Amino acid sequence: MRNKIICGNAPLELKKLPSESVDMIITSPPYYGLRNYQVDGQLGLEKTFAEYQKKILEITAELLRVLKKSGTLWWNMGDVYGGSNNGSNDYRSK
């Protein structure tokens, strides 16, 4: 595989890849409670932050498994000052 972008359910797609086979990973996972993409079981709309964190850590373990020792991981993770009014935990949705 060369220069391939994979879009899909991260845990499912990652399991298809051999260990230490990826040179670079770029990801920006959904933040907790800020967006609703209308997809069943989507990341970010868990009932608690602990559930969200558990899923993120499971995905991270798979990312590290497939990443070559010489590889790089670019991870955009943060929060926003105000909510988007689309997620279950948005302060404006209460």
Protein backbone atom coordinates (compact mmCIF):
# COMPACT_ATOMS: atom_id res chain seq x y z
CA MET A 1 0.00 0.00 0.00
CA ARG A 2 1.36 3.42 -0.91
CA ASN A 3 -0.05 6.92 -0.34
CA LYS A 4 -3.48 5.73 0.65
CA ILE A 5 -6.09 7.68 2.57
CA ILE A 6 -8.39 5.47 4.59
CA CYS A 7 -11.75 6.87 5.67
CA GLY A 8 -14.04 4.79 7.80
CA ASN A 9 -14.74 3.51 11.26
CA ALA A 10 -11.29 3.82 12.84
CA PRO A 11 -11.34 0.71 15.06
CA LEU A 12 -12.60 -1.47 12.19
CA GLU A 13 -10.23 -0.07 9.55
CA LEU A 14 -7.18 -0.21 11.83
CA LYS A 15 -7.70 -3.91 12.55
CA LYS A 16 -7.30 -4.61 8.81
CA LEU A 17 -3.77 -3.18 8.78
CA PRO A 18 -0.62 -5.14 9.62
CA SER A 19 1.45 -4.07 12.61
CA GLU A 20 4.15 -1.46 11.98
CA SER A 21 2.97 -0.84 8.42
CA VAL A 22 2.10 2.87 8.45
CA ASP A 23 4.53 5.78 8.03
CA MET A 24 2.21 8.63 8.99
CA ILE A 25 -1.15 9.01 10.67
CA ILE A 26 -3.09 12.29 10.63
CA THR A 27 -6.25 12.39 12.70
CA SER A 28 -8.67 14.78 14.32
CA PRO A 29 -11.10 12.67 16.29
CA PRO A 30 -14.48 14.12 17.26
CA TYR A 31 -14.33 16.04 20.52
CA TYR A 32 -16.49 14.87 23.39
CA GLY A 33 -20.05 16.13 23.18
CA LEU A 34 -19.57 18.86 20.57
CA ARG A 35 -20.85 17.42 17.29
CA ASN A 36 -23.57 15.06 16.22
CA TYR A 37 -22.82 13.55 12.82
CA GLN A 38 -26.05 11.50 12.86
CA VAL A 39 -24.12 8.20 12.81
CA ASP A 40 -25.09 5.40 15.18
CA GLY A 41 -22.39 4.70 17.74
CA GLN A 42 -20.30 7.70 16.74
CA LEU A 43 -17.31 8.76 18.76
CA GLY A 44 -17.91 11.86 20.86
CA LEU A 45 -21.49 11.32 21.99
CA GLU A 46 -20.86 8.86 24.79
CA LYS A 47 -22.89 9.36 27.97
CA THR A 48 -19.78 10.10 30.05
CA PHE A 49 -16.33 11.47 29.41
CA ALA A 50 -14.88 8.25 30.89
CA GLU A 51 -16.61 6.21 28.14
CA TYR A 52 -15.26 8.61 25.49
CA GLN A 53 -11.77 8.44 26.95
CA LYS A 54 -11.87 4.61 26.95
CA LYS A 55 -12.76 4.56 23.24
CA ILE A 56 -10.04 7.11 22.41
CA LEU A 57 -7.44 5.02 24.26
CA GLU A 58 -8.55 1.84 22.44
CA ILE A 59 -8.16 3.61 19.09
CA THR A 60 -4.80 5.05 20.15
CA ALA A 61 -3.51 1.57 20.99
CA GLU A 62 -4.39 0.43 17.46
CA LEU A 63 -2.80 3.54 15.94
CA LEU A 64 0.43 2.80 17.78
CA ARG A 65 0.27 -0.85 16.73
CA VAL A 66 0.13 -0.03 13.02
CA LEU A 67 2.60 2.86 13.15
CA LYS A 68 6.17 2.08 12.14
CA LYS A 69 8.85 2.76 14.75
CA SER A 70 10.10 5.51 12.41
CA GLY A 71 6.56 6.79 11.78
CA THR A 72 4.85 9.98 12.89
CA LEU A 73 1.43 10.57 14.38
CA TRP A 74 -0.26 13.95 13.90
CA TRP A 75 -3.16 14.28 16.33
CA ASN A 76 -5.38 17.36 16.48
CA MET A 77 -7.10 17.25 19.84
CA GLY A 78 -8.51 20.17 21.71
CA ASP A 79 -11.62 21.91 22.69
CA VAL A 80 -13.46 25.05 21.80
CA TYR A 81 -14.27 28.11 23.84
CA GLY A 82 -17.98 27.78 23.12
CA GLY A 83 -20.01 24.80 22.02
CA SER A 84 -21.38 24.18 18.56
CA ASN A 85 -24.94 23.70 19.75
CA ASN A 86 -24.90 20.29 18.02
CA GLY A 87 -23.63 17.91 20.67
CA SER A 88 -25.28 16.32 23.66
CA ASN A 89 -22.99 18.03 26.14
CA ASP A 90 -23.06 21.49 24.61
CA TYR A 91 -23.76 24.04 27.28
CA ARG A 92 -26.40 25.69 25.06
CA SER A 93 -28.39 22.48 24.61
CA LYS A 94 -29.43 22.35 28.26
